[in-house]
């Protein structure tokens, strides 16, 4: 058993170090370990992916991706940022609040942290520089705000977790609402404390009440769309798959009303949706292959027995796994962490009677941390890339500025994580048995 475990660890580490695609690493690991330690497993390599992907649930992946693409290409990011800037721009640290709020709302419809950071960053950073905001906190607020894309539903990461862990994605979405709002509140609290200590940034000219009310026209449709998706799931009116279809329809109608729909725009939406969906589904397929090989070889059962011998309580087990995920987050992409580790840890969690919905929210927060944790934190480098595009290579500075700017927000994330672990009802309070 030790030989199998060491072989899997070595192959996964080698593949990720070489920079191979996540799906390739997982698939090759499953193939090599299966052939060496089990025997001819090729017959299962067609059966397992088909069984895992023949259900209706997998349809959510392209639907939610398409919803985000429609809104992204309808110019929603500019509209959202402009609206929140008018509503919040005159508050202390006004545009910093705008970064967080715009990221939170955009994240809720795009489901992607990287897309949120890149899109909002491209709009926000020039405005921050124009109004004299401190560079580091500006970069940190945008990079941290982007992480909300995988916690505030709908979230692609949550779909992947739900498929691999075989739990209700609708329940995961509802369970993430309160932690997502807490995270949003934590980021705003960081900005308030910064604003009390430092005075940076010049507010816009006074915005009249009439202008603020008019700006709501760019926010209300998106909020209605979010309410449509989550509300139909929570009320039991629709399954999570049907809610995704409602979301795509609503996003198309918003783009249509804005006059942004044309043949070129739709072609870009369809191509981007297909390529992203193919990538995500291929990763899920490879994860199921690795899960099959691990289960066949008895690795999860052996790990469960070993963990049971340690005599850890449920909370001690959760804290140990949190430490593992935080360490992995410094060297691996968040999606890779989930699909590579869940097949191993699931039997341990089930044996310890851990609620997998609650643990799903914890894992997503940990993946958020991975996105802004050096040296591999994806949002750090996305933000630095946006910074270079805005300022040019000569005037952009080092990625260290982004890391230092995001540090206070990282502490806020750790605080929210501690709350969710200490009080599971923060995640489970809204979850109902009627949600699918």
Protein backbone atom coordinates (compact mmCIF):
# COMPACT_ATOMS: atom_id res chain seq x y z
CA UNK A 1 0.00 0.00 0.00
CA UNK A 2 2.90 2.34 0.77
CA UNK A 3 4.33 1.64 -2.69
CA UNK A 4 1.06 2.65 -4.37
CA UNK A 5 0.71 5.81 -2.27
CA UNK A 6 4.30 6.91 -2.92
CA UNK A 7 3.95 6.18 -6.64
CA UNK A 8 0.77 8.25 -6.92
CA UNK A 9 2.32 11.14 -4.96
CA UNK A 10 5.49 11.08 -7.05
CA UNK A 11 3.63 10.94 -10.37
CA UNK A 12 1.27 13.77 -9.40
CA UNK A 13 4.16 15.92 -8.15
CA UNK A 14 6.25 15.25 -11.27
CA UNK A 15 3.36 16.06 -13.60
CA UNK A 16 2.52 19.34 -11.88
CA UNK A 17 6.20 20.37 -11.67
CA UNK A 18 6.57 19.73 -15.41
CA UNK A 19 3.57 21.99 -16.00
CA UNK A 20 1.39 19.35 -17.65
CA UNK A 21 -2.34 19.98 -17.90
CA UNK A 22 -4.26 18.91 -14.78
CA UNK A 23 -6.35 16.37 -16.72
CA UNK A 24 -3.24 14.86 -18.30
CA UNK A 25 -1.51 14.49 -14.92
CA UNK A 26 -4.52 12.82 -13.31
CA UNK A 27 -5.22 10.56 -16.29
CA UNK A 28 -1.62 9.41 -16.73
CA UNK A 29 -1.29 8.78 -13.00
CA UNK A 30 -4.42 6.64 -13.01
CA UNK A 31 -3.24 4.75 -16.10
CA UNK A 32 0.32 4.05 -14.87
CA UNK A 33 -0.62 3.13 -11.30
CA UNK A 34 -3.51 0.99 -12.52
CA UNK A 35 -1.35 -0.90 -15.02
CA UNK A 36 1.52 -1.49 -12.57
CA UNK A 37 -0.34 -2.34 -9.37
CA UNK A 38 -3.71 -3.65 -10.56
CA UNK A 39 -3.31 -5.02 -14.07
CA UNK A 40 -5.21 -4.39 -17.30
CA UNK A 41 -7.66 -1.62 -16.41
CA UNK A 42 -8.26 -0.31 -19.93
CA UNK A 43 -11.82 -1.60 -20.08
CA UNK A 44 -12.78 0.60 -17.17
CA UNK A 45 -11.26 3.70 -18.77
CA UNK A 46 -14.27 3.97 -21.05
CA UNK A 47 -16.89 2.79 -18.61
CA UNK A 48 -15.95 5.02 -15.66
CA UNK A 49 -16.05 8.39 -17.53
CA UNK A 50 -19.30 7.44 -19.25
CA UNK A 51 -20.96 6.51 -15.96
CA UNK A 52 -19.73 9.71 -14.32
CA UNK A 53 -20.87 12.02 -17.15
CA UNK A 54 -24.03 10.40 -18.48
CA UNK A 55 -26.22 12.12 -15.87
CA UNK A 56 -28.01 15.42 -16.36
CA UNK A 57 -25.99 17.19 -13.63
CA UNK A 58 -22.94 17.68 -15.85
CA UNK A 59 -25.03 19.99 -18.07
CA UNK A 60 -24.63 22.68 -15.41
CA UNK A 61 -20.98 23.17 -16.35
CA UNK A 62 -21.57 24.61 -19.86
CA UNK A 63 -24.76 26.40 -18.79
CA UNK A 64 -23.18 28.43 -15.98
CA UNK A 65 -20.09 29.09 -18.09
CA UNK A 66 -22.33 30.38 -20.90
CA UNK A 67 -24.23 32.61 -18.47
CA UNK A 68 -20.98 34.23 -17.37
CA UNK A 69 -19.76 34.61 -20.96
CA UNK A 70 -22.99 36.32 -22.04
CA UNK A 71 -22.80 38.85 -19.23
CA UNK A 72 -19.06 39.38 -19.67
CA UNK A 73 -19.44 40.17 -23.36
CA UNK A 74 -22.49 42.35 -22.80
CA UNK A 75 -20.26 44.95 -21.12
CA UNK A 76 -21.64 44.27 -17.67
CA UNK A 77 -18.29 44.78 -15.91
CA UNK A 78 -18.03 48.42 -17.01
CA UNK A 79 -21.67 49.07 -16.13
CA UNK A 80 -21.34 47.46 -12.70
CA UNK A 81 -18.17 49.30 -11.80
CA UNK A 82 -19.57 52.63 -12.92
CA UNK A 83 -22.76 52.10 -10.94
CA UNK A 84 -21.00 51.12 -7.71
CA UNK A 85 -18.53 53.98 -8.14
CA UNK A 86 -21.41 56.45 -8.12
CA UNK A 87 -23.07 54.78 -5.14
CA UNK A 88 -19.93 54.31 -3.01
CA UNK A 89 -17.34 56.69 -4.50
CA UNK A 90 -17.80 59.43 -1.89
CA UNK A 91 -17.40 57.10 1.11
CA UNK A 92 -14.02 56.83 2.87
CA UNK A 93 -12.05 54.43 0.71
CA UNK A 94 -14.90 54.68 -1.79
CA UNK A 95 -13.41 53.10 -4.91
CA UNK A 96 -11.88 50.34 -2.78
CA UNK A 97 -15.40 49.43 -1.69
CA UNK A 98 -16.39 49.62 -5.33
CA UNK A 99 -13.72 47.04 -6.20
CA UNK A 100 -15.10 44.58 -3.67
CA UNK A 101 -18.78 45.10 -4.45
CA UNK A 102 -18.32 45.00 -8.22
CA UNK A 103 -16.15 41.89 -7.89
CA UNK A 104 -18.71 40.22 -5.64
CA UNK A 105 -21.62 40.82 -8.01
CA UNK A 106 -19.61 39.97 -11.13
CA UNK A 107 -18.26 36.85 -9.42
CA UNK A 108 -21.78 35.73 -8.65
CA UNK A 109 -22.63 35.55 -12.34
CA UNK A 110 -19.29 34.56 -13.86
CA UNK A 111 -18.38 31.79 -11.40
CA UNK A 112 -14.70 32.35 -12.18
CA UNK A 113 -12.13 34.00 -9.94
CA UNK A 114 -9.59 34.60 -12.70
CA UNK A 115 -12.23 36.13 -15.00
CA UNK A 116 -13.43 38.40 -12.19
CA UNK A 117 -9.92 39.61 -11.30
CA UNK A 118 -8.96 40.23 -14.90
CA UNK A 119 -12.20 41.92 -15.94
CA UNK A 120 -12.77 44.12 -12.89
CA UNK A 121 -9.04 44.86 -12.63
CA UNK A 122 -8.94 46.21 -16.19
CA UNK A 123 -11.74 48.63 -15.35
CA UNK A 124 -10.79 49.49 -11.77
CA UNK A 125 -7.02 49.96 -11.85
CA UNK A 126 -7.01 52.98 -14.24
CA UNK A 127 -9.71 54.63 -12.12
CA UNK A 128 -7.77 53.95 -8.90
CA UNK A 129 -4.63 55.52 -10.36
CA UNK A 130 -6.54 58.50 -11.69
CA UNK A 131 -7.93 59.27 -8.23
CA UNK A 132 -4.64 58.78 -6.40
CA UNK A 133 -5.34 55.62 -4.41
CA UNK A 134 -2.38 53.80 -2.84
CA UNK A 135 -1.11 51.18 -5.27
CA UNK A 136 -0.76 48.21 -2.93
CA UNK A 137 -4.19 48.35 -1.34
CA UNK A 138 -5.75 48.94 -4.76
CA UNK A 139 -4.08 45.81 -6.15
CA UNK A 140 -4.92 43.81 -3.03
CA UNK A 141 -8.61 44.75 -3.07
CA UNK A 142 -9.01 43.70 -6.71
CA UNK A 143 -7.08 40.42 -6.34
CA UNK A 144 -8.93 39.52 -3.14
CA UNK A 145 -12.31 40.57 -4.56
CA UNK A 146 -11.71 38.21 -7.46
CA UNK A 147 -11.58 35.21 -5.11
CA UNK A 148 -15.27 35.74 -4.37
CA UNK A 149 -15.88 34.21 -7.81
CA UNK A 150 -15.59 30.67 -6.47
CA UNK A 151 -17.46 31.17 -3.18
CA UNK A 152 -20.46 33.28 -4.13
CA UNK A 153 -22.67 30.99 -6.27
CA UNK A 154 -22.95 29.98 -9.00
CA UNK A 155 -19.40 28.63 -8.87
CA UNK A 156 -17.66 26.22 -11.26
CA UNK A 157 -15.42 24.96 -8.43
CA UNK A 158 -18.52 24.03 -6.43
CA UNK A 159 -19.91 22.11 -9.39
CA UNK A 160 -16.66 20.14 -9.62
CA UNK A 161 -16.69 19.46 -5.87
CA UNK A 162 -20.34 18.38 -6.00
CA UNK A 163 -19.74 16.00 -8.90
CA UNK A 164 -16.65 14.38 -7.35
CA UNK A 165 -18.12 14.21 -3.81
CA UNK A 166 -21.56 13.21 -5.18
CA UNK A 167 -23.47 15.80 -3.14
CA UNK A 168 -26.25 18.21 -4.12
CA UNK A 169 -24.85 21.20 -6.00
CA UNK A 170 -27.99 23.16 -5.19
CA UNK A 171 -27.35 22.63 -1.47
CA UNK A 172 -23.73 23.68 -1.92
CA UNK A 173 -24.85 26.92 -3.57
CA UNK A 174 -27.27 27.75 -0.77
CA UNK A 175 -24.72 26.76 1.90
CA UNK A 176 -22.23 29.26 0.45
CA UNK A 177 -24.53 32.28 0.68
CA UNK A 178 -23.87 33.25 4.32
CA UNK A 179 -20.10 32.51 4.20
CA UNK A 180 -19.93 34.47 0.93
CA UNK A 181 -21.61 37.48 2.51
CA UNK A 182 -19.33 37.17 5.55
CA UNK A 183 -16.30 37.17 3.25
CA UNK A 184 -17.63 40.25 1.46
CA UNK A 185 -18.18 41.95 4.83
CA UNK A 186 -14.68 40.98 5.98
CA UNK A 187 -13.10 42.57 2.93
CA UNK A 188 -15.11 45.75 3.45
CA UNK A 189 -14.01 45.81 7.11
CA UNK A 190 -10.36 45.65 5.97
CA UNK A 191 -10.95 48.66 3.72
CA UNK A 192 -12.69 50.61 6.50
CA UNK A 193 -9.75 50.00 8.86
CA UNK A 194 -7.29 51.01 6.14
CA UNK A 195 -9.27 54.18 5.44
CA UNK A 196 -9.25 55.12 9.13
CA UNK A 197 -5.46 54.75 9.27
CA UNK A 198 -4.53 56.18 5.88
CA UNK A 199 -5.99 58.89 3.72
CA UNK A 200 -5.47 58.11 0.07
CA UNK A 201 -7.50 58.76 -3.01
CA UNK A 202 -9.55 61.71 -4.11
CA UNK A 203 -13.30 61.11 -4.28
CA UNK A 204 -15.24 61.95 -7.41
CA UNK A 205 -17.25 65.11 -7.59
CA UNK A 206 -20.44 64.92 -5.57
CA UNK A 207 -22.97 62.59 -7.16
CA UNK A 208 -26.58 63.66 -6.92
CA UNK A 209 -29.30 61.38 -5.59
CA UNK A 210 -30.87 61.28 -9.04
CA UNK A 211 -27.61 60.03 -10.56
CA UNK A 212 -27.30 57.35 -7.88
CA UNK A 213 -30.85 56.18 -8.55
CA UNK A 214 -30.18 56.04 -12.30
CA UNK A 215 -27.05 53.98 -11.67
CA UNK A 216 -29.19 51.30 -10.05
CA UNK A 217 -30.47 50.45 -13.51
CA UNK A 218 -27.13 48.74 -14.17
CA UNK A 219 -27.24 46.74 -10.93
CA UNK A 220 -30.87 45.66 -10.57
CA UNK A 221 -30.99 43.34 -13.63
CA UNK A 222 -27.95 41.41 -12.40
CA UNK A 223 -29.31 41.16 -8.86
CA UNK A 224 -32.61 39.90 -10.26
CA UNK A 225 -30.70 37.30 -12.27
CA UNK A 226 -28.83 36.11 -9.17
CA UNK A 227 -32.10 35.98 -7.26
CA UNK A 228 -33.67 34.01 -10.09
CA UNK A 229 -30.94 31.34 -10.03
CA UNK A 230 -30.60 30.98 -6.26
CA UNK A 231 -34.25 31.72 -5.45
CA UNK A 232 -35.64 28.98 -7.67
CA UNK A 233 -33.22 26.48 -6.11
CA UNK A 234 -33.98 27.57 -2.53
CA UNK A 235 -37.75 27.59 -3.01
CA UNK A 236 -37.70 24.17 -4.65
CA UNK A 237 -39.18 25.57 -7.86
CA UNK A 238 -36.26 24.30 -9.95
CA UNK A 239 -33.38 21.91 -9.70
CA UNK A 240 -29.85 23.30 -9.91
CA UNK A 241 -29.74 22.27 -13.59
CA UNK A 242 -33.03 24.01 -14.39
CA UNK A 243 -31.87 27.10 -12.46
CA UNK A 244 -28.76 27.17 -14.66
CA UNK A 245 -31.01 27.19 -17.74
CA UNK A 246 -33.00 30.08 -16.26
CA UNK A 247 -29.73 31.90 -15.66
CA UNK A 248 -28.59 31.53 -19.28
CA UNK A 249 -31.97 32.75 -20.53
CA UNK A 250 -31.89 35.74 -18.17
CA UNK A 251 -28.32 36.62 -19.16
CA UNK A 252 -29.25 36.50 -22.84
CA UNK A 253 -32.25 38.79 -22.25
CA UNK A 254 -30.05 41.28 -20.34
CA UNK A 255 -27.53 41.34 -23.20
CA UNK A 256 -30.38 41.68 -25.69
CA UNK A 257 -31.90 44.63 -23.81
CA UNK A 258 -28.48 46.32 -23.77
CA UNK A 259 -28.27 45.94 -27.56
CA UNK A 260 -25.05 43.92 -27.32
CA UNK A 261 -26.24 40.74 -29.06
CA UNK A 262 -24.94 40.12 -32.58
CA UNK A 263 -23.53 37.23 -34.60
CA UNK A 264 -19.91 37.94 -33.64
CA UNK A 265 -20.72 38.23 -29.94
CA UNK A 266 -22.69 34.97 -29.93
CA UNK A 267 -19.93 33.18 -31.83
CA UNK A 268 -17.39 34.29 -29.21
CA UNK A 269 -19.72 33.16 -26.41
CA UNK A 270 -20.26 29.70 -27.94
CA UNK A 271 -16.57 29.10 -28.71
CA UNK A 272 -15.40 30.25 -25.28
CA UNK A 273 -18.11 28.21 -23.55
CA UNK A 274 -17.19 25.08 -25.50
CA UNK A 275 -13.44 25.37 -24.85
CA UNK A 276 -13.82 26.12 -21.13
CA UNK A 277 -16.46 23.41 -20.65
CA UNK A 278 -14.29 20.85 -22.43
CA UNK A 279 -11.37 21.69 -20.14
CA UNK A 280 -13.42 21.40 -16.95
CA UNK A 281 -15.21 18.20 -17.99
CA UNK A 282 -11.93 16.57 -19.04
CA UNK A 283 -10.50 17.34 -15.60
CA UNK A 284 -13.57 15.84 -13.89
CA UNK A 285 -13.31 12.74 -16.09
CA UNK A 286 -9.65 12.25 -15.16
CA UNK A 287 -10.48 12.75 -11.47
CA UNK A 288 -13.05 9.94 -11.63
CA UNK A 289 -10.48 7.66 -13.28
CA UNK A 290 -8.00 8.34 -10.49
CA UNK A 291 -10.76 7.85 -7.91
CA UNK A 292 -11.55 4.44 -9.45
CA UNK A 293 -7.91 3.31 -9.39
CA UNK A 294 -7.45 4.50 -5.80
CA UNK A 295 -10.60 2.72 -4.64
CA UNK A 296 -9.73 -0.49 -6.52
CA UNK A 297 -6.27 -0.49 -4.93
CA UNK A 298 -7.73 0.11 -1.46
CA UNK A 299 -5.83 3.33 -0.79
CA UNK A 300 -8.77 5.32 0.68
CA UNK A 301 -9.71 2.43 2.98
CA UNK A 302 -6.12 2.10 4.20
CA UNK A 303 -5.93 5.87 4.79
CA UNK A 304 -9.23 5.78 6.70
CA UNK A 305 -7.91 3.00 8.95
CA UNK A 306 -4.69 4.92 9.56
CA UNK A 307 -6.57 8.12 10.40
CA UNK A 308 -8.90 6.15 12.71
CA UNK A 309 -5.86 4.78 14.56
CA UNK A 310 -4.72 8.35 15.23
CA UNK A 311 -7.89 8.89 17.27
CA UNK A 312 -8.54 12.38 15.90
CA UNK A 313 -11.79 14.13 16.72
CA UNK A 314 -13.87 15.52 13.87
CA UNK A 315 -12.64 19.08 14.40
CA UNK A 316 -9.02 17.90 14.66
CA UNK A 317 -9.43 16.05 11.35
CA UNK A 318 -10.86 19.17 9.70
CA UNK A 319 -7.99 21.32 11.00
CA UNK A 320 -5.43 18.78 9.77
CA UNK A 321 -6.98 18.73 6.30
CA UNK A 322 -7.09 22.54 6.30
CA UNK A 323 -3.35 22.58 6.93
CA UNK A 324 -2.82 20.11 4.07
CA UNK A 325 -4.91 22.23 1.68
CA UNK A 326 -3.16 25.46 2.68
CA UNK A 327 0.25 23.88 2.05
CA UNK A 328 -0.91 22.44 -1.29
CA UNK A 329 -2.33 25.85 -2.21
CA UNK A 330 1.16 27.34 -2.22
CA UNK A 331 2.27 25.07 -5.08
CA UNK A 332 -0.90 23.90 -6.89
CA UNK A 333 -3.89 25.38 -8.71
CA UNK A 334 -7.16 25.27 -6.75
CA UNK A 335 -9.03 23.03 -9.21
CA UNK A 336 -6.10 20.61 -9.28
CA UNK A 337 -6.12 20.45 -5.48
CA UNK A 338 -9.78 19.45 -5.35
CA UNK A 339 -9.75 16.80 -8.05
CA UNK A 340 -6.45 15.29 -6.87
CA UNK A 341 -7.22 15.09 -3.14
CA UNK A 342 -10.97 14.52 -2.81
CA UNK A 343 -10.87 10.89 -4.03
CA UNK A 344 -8.35 10.19 -1.25
CA UNK A 345 -9.97 12.16 1.58
CA UNK A 346 -13.66 11.39 0.96
CA UNK A 347 -13.68 7.96 2.68
CA UNK A 348 -11.91 9.51 5.68
CA UNK A 349 -14.50 12.30 5.88
CA UNK A 350 -17.41 9.87 5.52
CA UNK A 351 -15.95 7.59 8.21
CA UNK A 352 -15.64 10.59 10.55
CA UNK A 353 -19.29 11.56 9.79
CA UNK A 354 -18.27 14.97 8.42
CA UNK A 355 -21.07 16.82 6.62
CA UNK A 356 -19.84 17.00 3.02
CA UNK A 357 -21.86 20.17 2.29
CA UNK A 358 -20.16 21.95 5.20
CA UNK A 359 -16.76 20.60 4.19
CA UNK A 360 -17.41 21.72 0.60
CA UNK A 361 -17.73 25.34 1.75
CA UNK A 362 -14.54 24.96 3.81
CA UNK A 363 -12.66 23.55 0.81
CA UNK A 364 -13.82 26.39 -1.45
CA UNK A 365 -12.58 28.97 1.08
CA UNK A 366 -9.25 27.13 1.20
CA UNK A 367 -9.08 27.23 -2.60
CA UNK A 368 -9.75 30.97 -2.37
CA UNK A 369 -6.71 31.24 -0.13
CA UNK A 370 -4.68 29.28 -2.68
CA UNK A 371 -5.57 31.87 -5.32
CA UNK A 372 -3.82 34.66 -3.40
CA UNK A 373 -1.07 32.63 -1.69
CA UNK A 374 2.45 32.85 -3.15
CA UNK A 375 4.29 31.44 -4.98
CA UNK A 376 1.57 30.01 -7.29
CA UNK A 377 -1.44 32.18 -6.38
CA UNK A 378 -3.18 32.62 -9.73
CA UNK A 379 -4.90 35.91 -8.88
CA UNK A 380 -1.58 37.48 -7.89
CA UNK A 381 -0.15 36.95 -11.36
CA UNK A 382 -3.40 37.83 -13.13
CA UNK A 383 -3.44 41.12 -11.21
CA UNK A 384 0.21 41.76 -12.05
CA UNK A 385 -0.59 41.08 -15.70
CA UNK A 386 -3.43 43.61 -15.63
CA UNK A 387 -1.10 46.07 -13.92
CA UNK A 388 1.50 45.67 -16.68
CA UNK A 389 -1.16 46.17 -19.33
CA UNK A 390 -2.35 49.38 -17.69
CA UNK A 391 1.04 50.89 -16.76
CA UNK A 392 3.42 49.21 -19.19
CA UNK A 393 6.28 46.91 -18.23
CA UNK A 394 8.55 49.75 -17.14
CA UNK A 395 6.11 51.33 -14.71
CA UNK A 396 4.35 48.31 -13.30
CA UNK A 397 6.56 47.35 -10.35
CA UNK A 398 7.00 43.92 -8.81
CA UNK A 399 4.42 41.23 -8.02
CA UNK A 400 5.60 41.68 -4.41
CA UNK A 401 3.40 44.78 -4.27
CA UNK A 402 0.36 42.64 -5.06
CA UNK A 403 1.34 40.09 -2.41
CA UNK A 404 1.76 42.78 0.27
CA UNK A 405 -1.47 44.47 -0.75
CA UNK A 406 -3.47 41.26 -0.48
CA UNK A 407 -2.10 40.25 2.95
CA UNK A 408 -4.77 42.04 5.10
CA UNK A 409 -7.50 40.44 2.97
CA UNK A 410 -5.86 37.03 3.48
CA UNK A 411 -6.14 37.51 7.23
CA UNK A 412 -9.85 38.34 6.80
CA UNK A 413 -10.33 35.13 4.82
CA UNK A 414 -8.64 33.10 7.56
CA UNK A 415 -10.98 34.70 10.11
CA UNK A 416 -14.08 33.78 8.06
CA UNK A 417 -12.69 30.25 7.62
CA UNK A 418 -12.32 29.95 11.39
CA UNK A 419 -15.93 31.10 11.86
CA UNK A 420 -17.26 28.55 9.34
CA UNK A 421 -15.29 25.74 11.03
CA UNK A 422 -16.32 26.77 14.55
CA UNK A 423 -19.97 27.33 13.64
CA UNK A 424 -21.11 24.85 10.94
CA UNK A 425 -24.62 26.33 11.01
CA UNK A 426 -23.28 29.38 9.19
CA UNK A 427 -23.14 27.08 6.16
CA UNK A 428 -26.03 24.75 6.92
CA UNK A 429 -28.64 27.18 8.24
CA UNK A 430 -30.29 27.84 4.87
CA UNK A 431 -29.89 24.33 3.48
CA UNK A 432 -33.19 22.49 3.12
CA UNK A 433 -33.99 18.88 2.29
CA UNK A 434 -36.13 20.12 -0.59
CA UNK A 435 -33.12 21.57 -2.42
CA UNK A 436 -31.76 19.41 -5.21
